[in-house]
Amino acid sequence: MAYAINCITIYFNPSGGYHTALQLCAKGYRVTIACRNIEKAKNACASIVNRLGNSASIDFIIIDLSELSSVSKSVHMITAQKRCYDIIILNAGVLLPKLFKTKDGFDTTFQV
C-alpha cells in the first residue's frame, strides 16, 4: 500500500485556497481544508470531487481563527484524527486599517 501524503490548508478560502486544494488532490494527496464556513467547505469538497472524480481525497474541519475556542476545538478534532500531516499550508492573514478586537480581546491582525 502506498503512503498517502496528507496536506492541510489552514483558513481555506474559495479563491486561491480552492485552487491549491484542487491541485493537491489532482496529485493524489489527501487534503483537509480548514474553513470557517461549513457551506463553503462542503461546496468546495463537492466541487473538487466533481471535477476530479471519486479518487479525490478531501475533507474539511471548521475553524474560526478569530475565536480561540474554535481554534482549540479544531486542534482537538485534528489530533483525534491521528493523521500525520506532511504539508501544512498557512493561508491566513489580515492587515486592517484600524484596530479591531476579536471576541477574545486581541488585535485581529495578530490573532487571525
N, C-alpha and C. Protein backbone atom coordinates (compact mmCIF):
# COMPACT_ATOMS: atom_id res chain seq x y z
N MET A 1 0.84 -1.18 0.00
CA MET A 1 0.00 0.00 0.00
C MET A 1 0.89 1.24 0.00
N ALA A 2 0.62 2.15 -0.88
CA ALA A 2 1.41 3.39 -0.98
C ALA A 2 1.07 4.32 0.18
N TYR A 3 2.07 5.06 0.59
CA TYR A 3 1.89 6.04 1.65
C TYR A 3 1.15 7.24 1.10
N ALA A 4 0.08 7.65 1.78
CA ALA A 4 -0.69 8.83 1.36
C ALA A 4 -0.03 10.08 1.91
N ILE A 5 0.17 11.06 1.07
CA ILE A 5 0.70 12.35 1.52
C ILE A 5 -0.47 13.18 2.01
N ASN A 6 -0.44 13.54 3.29
CA ASN A 6 -1.51 14.30 3.92
C ASN A 6 -1.19 15.78 3.93
N CYS A 7 -2.16 16.58 3.50
CA CYS A 7 -1.99 18.04 3.47
C CYS A 7 -3.15 18.69 4.21
N ILE A 8 -2.87 19.79 4.85
CA ILE A 8 -3.93 20.60 5.44
C ILE A 8 -3.68 22.04 5.06
N THR A 9 -4.73 22.71 4.64
CA THR A 9 -4.63 24.13 4.36
C THR A 9 -5.47 24.87 5.39
N ILE A 10 -4.81 25.69 6.18
CA ILE A 10 -5.46 26.41 7.26
C ILE A 10 -6.05 27.71 6.73
N TYR A 11 -7.29 27.92 7.06
CA TYR A 11 -8.07 29.08 6.64
C TYR A 11 -8.22 29.11 5.13
N PHE A 12 -8.76 28.01 4.65
CA PHE A 12 -9.11 27.84 3.24
C PHE A 12 -10.04 28.97 2.81
N ASN A 13 -9.84 29.48 1.60
CA ASN A 13 -10.77 30.46 1.04
C ASN A 13 -11.20 30.00 -0.35
N PRO A 14 -12.35 30.46 -0.80
CA PRO A 14 -12.88 29.96 -2.08
C PRO A 14 -12.07 30.35 -3.31
N SER A 15 -11.16 31.27 -3.20
CA SER A 15 -10.40 31.67 -4.40
C SER A 15 -9.09 30.89 -4.46
N GLY A 16 -8.02 31.44 -3.93
CA GLY A 16 -6.72 30.79 -4.01
C GLY A 16 -6.66 29.47 -3.28
N GLY A 17 -7.31 29.39 -2.16
CA GLY A 17 -7.31 28.15 -1.38
C GLY A 17 -7.96 26.99 -2.12
N TYR A 18 -9.01 27.29 -2.85
CA TYR A 18 -9.70 26.27 -3.63
C TYR A 18 -8.76 25.67 -4.67
N HIS A 19 -8.07 26.52 -5.39
CA HIS A 19 -7.18 26.04 -6.45
C HIS A 19 -5.98 25.29 -5.88
N THR A 20 -5.52 25.70 -4.72
CA THR A 20 -4.44 24.96 -4.05
C THR A 20 -4.92 23.55 -3.70
N ALA A 21 -6.10 23.46 -3.09
CA ALA A 21 -6.66 22.15 -2.72
C ALA A 21 -6.91 21.30 -3.95
N LEU A 22 -7.42 21.90 -5.00
CA LEU A 22 -7.69 21.18 -6.25
C LEU A 22 -6.41 20.58 -6.81
N GLN A 23 -5.34 21.36 -6.87
CA GLN A 23 -4.08 20.87 -7.42
C GLN A 23 -3.47 19.77 -6.55
N LEU A 24 -3.57 19.92 -5.24
CA LEU A 24 -3.04 18.89 -4.34
C LEU A 24 -3.82 17.58 -4.51
N CYS A 25 -5.15 17.68 -4.60
CA CYS A 25 -5.96 16.48 -4.82
C CYS A 25 -5.64 15.84 -6.17
N ALA A 26 -5.42 16.67 -7.18
CA ALA A 26 -5.10 16.16 -8.51
C ALA A 26 -3.79 15.38 -8.50
N LYS A 27 -2.88 15.72 -7.59
CA LYS A 27 -1.61 15.00 -7.46
C LYS A 27 -1.75 13.73 -6.62
N GLY A 28 -2.96 13.49 -6.10
CA GLY A 28 -3.20 12.28 -5.32
C GLY A 28 -3.01 12.46 -3.82
N TYR A 29 -2.83 13.68 -3.37
CA TYR A 29 -2.65 13.92 -1.94
C TYR A 29 -4.00 13.86 -1.23
N ARG A 30 -3.96 13.49 0.03
CA ARG A 30 -5.16 13.52 0.87
C ARG A 30 -5.20 14.90 1.52
N VAL A 31 -6.25 15.67 1.24
CA VAL A 31 -6.31 17.08 1.62
C VAL A 31 -7.40 17.32 2.65
N THR A 32 -7.06 18.09 3.66
CA THR A 32 -8.03 18.60 4.63
C THR A 32 -8.04 20.11 4.51
N ILE A 33 -9.21 20.68 4.33
CA ILE A 33 -9.31 22.14 4.31
C ILE A 33 -9.90 22.59 5.64
N ALA A 34 -9.34 23.64 6.18
CA ALA A 34 -9.83 24.23 7.43
C ALA A 34 -10.48 25.55 7.07
N CYS A 35 -11.77 25.65 7.32
CA CYS A 35 -12.57 26.77 6.84
C CYS A 35 -13.54 27.19 7.93
N ARG A 36 -13.93 28.45 7.97
CA ARG A 36 -14.88 28.89 9.00
C ARG A 36 -16.33 28.73 8.57
N ASN A 37 -16.59 28.54 7.28
CA ASN A 37 -17.95 28.46 6.77
C ASN A 37 -18.24 27.04 6.29
N ILE A 38 -19.13 26.34 6.97
CA ILE A 38 -19.40 24.93 6.66
C ILE A 38 -19.97 24.76 5.25
N GLU A 39 -20.83 25.66 4.81
CA GLU A 39 -21.41 25.53 3.47
C GLU A 39 -20.34 25.68 2.39
N LYS A 40 -19.47 26.66 2.55
CA LYS A 40 -18.39 26.85 1.58
C LYS A 40 -17.45 25.64 1.57
N ALA A 41 -17.19 25.08 2.75
CA ALA A 41 -16.32 23.90 2.84
C ALA A 41 -16.96 22.71 2.13
N LYS A 42 -18.24 22.47 2.40
CA LYS A 42 -18.95 21.36 1.75
C LYS A 42 -18.98 21.55 0.23
N ASN A 43 -19.29 22.77 -0.20
CA ASN A 43 -19.36 23.05 -1.64
C ASN A 43 -18.01 22.87 -2.31
N ALA A 44 -16.95 23.32 -1.66
CA ALA A 44 -15.61 23.18 -2.23
C ALA A 44 -15.23 21.71 -2.36
N CYS A 45 -15.49 20.94 -1.32
CA CYS A 45 -15.17 19.50 -1.37
C CYS A 45 -15.96 18.81 -2.48
N ALA A 46 -17.26 19.12 -2.56
CA ALA A 46 -18.10 18.52 -3.60
C ALA A 46 -17.63 18.92 -4.99
N SER A 47 -17.25 20.18 -5.16
CA SER A 47 -16.77 20.66 -6.45
C SER A 47 -15.49 19.96 -6.87
N ILE A 48 -14.58 19.78 -5.93
CA ILE A 48 -13.31 19.11 -6.24
C ILE A 48 -13.54 17.65 -6.60
N VAL A 49 -14.41 16.97 -5.86
CA VAL A 49 -14.73 15.57 -6.18
C VAL A 49 -15.42 15.51 -7.54
N ASN A 50 -16.30 16.47 -7.81
CA ASN A 50 -16.99 16.52 -9.10
C ASN A 50 -16.01 16.70 -10.26
N ARG A 51 -15.00 17.54 -10.06
CA ARG A 51 -14.01 17.81 -11.12
C ARG A 51 -13.03 16.66 -11.30
N LEU A 52 -12.62 16.03 -10.19
CA LEU A 52 -11.56 15.02 -10.25
C LEU A 52 -12.07 13.59 -10.16
N GLY A 53 -13.30 13.41 -9.76
CA GLY A 53 -13.84 12.07 -9.59
C GLY A 53 -13.66 11.58 -8.16
N ASN A 54 -14.16 10.40 -7.92
CA ASN A 54 -14.14 9.84 -6.56
C ASN A 54 -12.75 9.54 -6.03
N SER A 55 -11.75 9.60 -6.89
CA SER A 55 -10.39 9.36 -6.41
C SER A 55 -9.86 10.54 -5.59
N ALA A 56 -10.52 11.69 -5.70
CA ALA A 56 -10.11 12.87 -4.91
C ALA A 56 -10.38 12.59 -3.44
N SER A 57 -9.37 12.76 -2.63
CA SER A 57 -9.49 12.53 -1.19
C SER A 57 -9.43 13.88 -0.48
N ILE A 58 -10.61 14.38 -0.09
CA ILE A 58 -10.68 15.70 0.54
C ILE A 58 -11.74 15.70 1.63
N ASP A 59 -11.41 16.33 2.72
CA ASP A 59 -12.37 16.53 3.80
C ASP A 59 -12.13 17.91 4.39
N PHE A 60 -12.89 18.23 5.43
CA PHE A 60 -12.75 19.57 6.00
C PHE A 60 -12.97 19.55 7.50
N ILE A 61 -12.47 20.58 8.14
CA ILE A 61 -12.80 20.87 9.52
C ILE A 61 -13.20 22.34 9.56
N ILE A 62 -13.98 22.69 10.56
CA ILE A 62 -14.41 24.08 10.71
C ILE A 62 -13.53 24.75 11.76
N ILE A 63 -13.03 25.93 11.40
CA ILE A 63 -12.19 26.70 12.32
C ILE A 63 -12.43 28.19 12.06
N ASP A 64 -12.51 28.94 13.14
CA ASP A 64 -12.59 30.40 13.05
C ASP A 64 -11.43 30.95 13.86
N LEU A 65 -10.41 31.43 13.16
CA LEU A 65 -9.20 31.90 13.84
C LEU A 65 -9.44 33.13 14.70
N SER A 66 -10.58 33.79 14.53
CA SER A 66 -10.87 34.96 15.35
C SER A 66 -11.46 34.58 16.71
N GLU A 67 -11.67 33.28 16.95
CA GLU A 67 -12.17 32.79 18.24
C GLU A 67 -11.25 31.67 18.73
N LEU A 68 -10.55 31.92 19.81
CA LEU A 68 -9.61 30.92 20.33
C LEU A 68 -10.31 29.63 20.73
N SER A 69 -11.57 29.70 21.16
CA SER A 69 -12.30 28.48 21.50
C SER A 69 -12.50 27.61 20.25
N SER A 70 -12.71 28.23 19.10
CA SER A 70 -12.84 27.49 17.84
C SER A 70 -11.51 26.86 17.45
N VAL A 71 -10.43 27.59 17.66
CA VAL A 71 -9.09 27.06 17.36
C VAL A 71 -8.82 25.84 18.23
N SER A 72 -9.12 25.95 19.52
CA SER A 72 -8.90 24.84 20.44
C SER A 72 -9.72 23.62 20.05
N LYS A 73 -10.98 23.83 19.71
CA LYS A 73 -11.85 22.73 19.29
C LYS A 73 -11.31 22.06 18.03
N SER A 74 -10.84 22.87 17.09
CA SER A 74 -10.30 22.33 15.84
C SER A 74 -9.01 21.54 16.07
N VAL A 75 -8.19 22.02 16.99
CA VAL A 75 -6.95 21.29 17.33
C VAL A 75 -7.31 19.91 17.87
N HIS A 76 -8.32 19.84 18.72
CA HIS A 76 -8.74 18.54 19.26
C HIS A 76 -9.27 17.63 18.15
N MET A 77 -10.01 18.20 17.20
CA MET A 77 -10.52 17.40 16.09
C MET A 77 -9.38 16.86 15.22
N ILE A 78 -8.41 17.72 14.94
CA ILE A 78 -7.27 17.30 14.12
C ILE A 78 -6.46 16.23 14.85
N THR A 79 -6.24 16.43 16.13
CA THR A 79 -5.48 15.46 16.93
C THR A 79 -6.19 14.12 16.98
N ALA A 80 -7.52 14.14 17.10
CA ALA A 80 -8.30 12.90 17.17
C ALA A 80 -8.21 12.09 15.89
N GLN A 81 -7.93 12.74 14.77
CA GLN A 81 -7.80 12.03 13.50
C GLN A 81 -6.56 11.13 13.48
N LYS A 82 -5.60 11.43 14.34
CA LYS A 82 -4.35 10.67 14.40
C LYS A 82 -3.70 10.57 13.02
N ARG A 83 -3.76 11.66 12.29
CA ARG A 83 -3.19 11.73 10.95
C ARG A 83 -1.96 12.63 11.00
N CYS A 84 -0.89 12.16 10.45
CA CYS A 84 0.33 12.95 10.37
C CYS A 84 0.26 13.79 9.10
N TYR A 85 0.39 15.10 9.26
CA TYR A 85 0.35 15.98 8.09
C TYR A 85 1.76 16.22 7.57
N ASP A 86 1.95 15.94 6.30
CA ASP A 86 3.24 16.12 5.65
C ASP A 86 3.40 17.55 5.14
N ILE A 87 2.30 18.17 4.77
CA ILE A 87 2.31 19.53 4.23
C ILE A 87 1.26 20.34 4.97
N ILE A 88 1.66 21.50 5.47
CA ILE A 88 0.73 22.42 6.13
C ILE A 88 0.83 23.75 5.41
N ILE A 89 -0.29 24.21 4.89
CA ILE A 89 -0.32 25.48 4.18
C ILE A 89 -1.07 26.48 5.05
N LEU A 90 -0.37 27.51 5.47
CA LEU A 90 -0.96 28.54 6.32
C LEU A 90 -1.40 29.69 5.43
N ASN A 91 -2.68 29.79 5.25
CA ASN A 91 -3.24 30.74 4.30
C ASN A 91 -4.02 31.84 5.01
N ALA A 92 -3.61 32.18 6.20
CA ALA A 92 -4.35 33.19 6.96
C ALA A 92 -3.55 34.47 7.03
N GLY A 93 -4.24 35.54 7.09
CA GLY A 93 -3.58 36.82 7.26
C GLY A 93 -4.55 37.96 7.04
N VAL A 94 -4.35 38.99 7.78
CA VAL A 94 -5.20 40.16 7.64
C VAL A 94 -4.40 41.37 8.10
N LEU A 95 -4.57 42.45 7.40
CA LEU A 95 -3.98 43.72 7.82
C LEU A 95 -5.07 44.76 7.68
N LEU A 96 -5.55 45.22 8.80
CA LEU A 96 -6.69 46.12 8.82
C LEU A 96 -6.24 47.57 9.01
N PRO A 97 -6.96 48.52 8.42
CA PRO A 97 -6.55 49.92 8.50
C PRO A 97 -6.74 50.54 9.88
N LYS A 98 -7.59 49.93 10.71
CA LYS A 98 -7.74 50.44 12.07
C LYS A 98 -7.90 49.25 13.01
N LEU A 99 -7.83 49.53 14.29
CA LEU A 99 -7.85 48.48 15.30
C LEU A 99 -9.22 47.82 15.41
N PHE A 100 -9.24 46.50 15.28
CA PHE A 100 -10.42 45.69 15.54
C PHE A 100 -10.01 44.63 16.53
N LYS A 101 -10.87 44.36 17.49
CA LYS A 101 -10.60 43.34 18.51
C LYS A 101 -11.41 42.08 18.22
N THR A 102 -10.81 40.93 18.49
CA THR A 102 -11.53 39.67 18.38
C THR A 102 -12.40 39.49 19.61
N LYS A 103 -13.23 38.45 19.62
CA LYS A 103 -14.05 38.15 20.80
C LYS A 103 -13.20 37.88 22.03
N ASP A 104 -11.95 37.47 21.79
CA ASP A 104 -11.04 37.17 22.89
C ASP A 104 -10.29 38.41 23.36
N GLY A 105 -10.53 39.56 22.70
CA GLY A 105 -9.92 40.81 23.13
C GLY A 105 -8.56 41.12 22.52
N PHE A 106 -8.16 40.33 21.52
CA PHE A 106 -6.87 40.57 20.88
C PHE A 106 -7.04 41.36 19.59
N ASP A 107 -5.99 42.04 19.19
CA ASP A 107 -5.97 42.75 17.91
C ASP A 107 -6.13 41.70 16.80
N THR A 108 -7.11 41.90 15.93
CA THR A 108 -7.41 40.94 14.87
C THR A 108 -6.19 40.67 13.98
N THR A 109 -5.39 41.68 13.73
CA THR A 109 -4.20 41.49 12.89
C THR A 109 -3.28 40.42 13.47
N PHE A 110 -3.17 40.34 14.78
CA PHE A 110 -2.27 39.37 15.40
C PHE A 110 -2.93 38.02 15.63
N GLN A 111 -4.20 37.99 15.98
CA GLN A 111 -4.84 36.71 16.27
C GLN A 111 -5.18 35.94 15.00
N VAL A 112 -5.65 36.63 14.00
CA VAL A 112 -6.07 35.95 12.78
C VAL A 112 -4.88 35.83 11.85
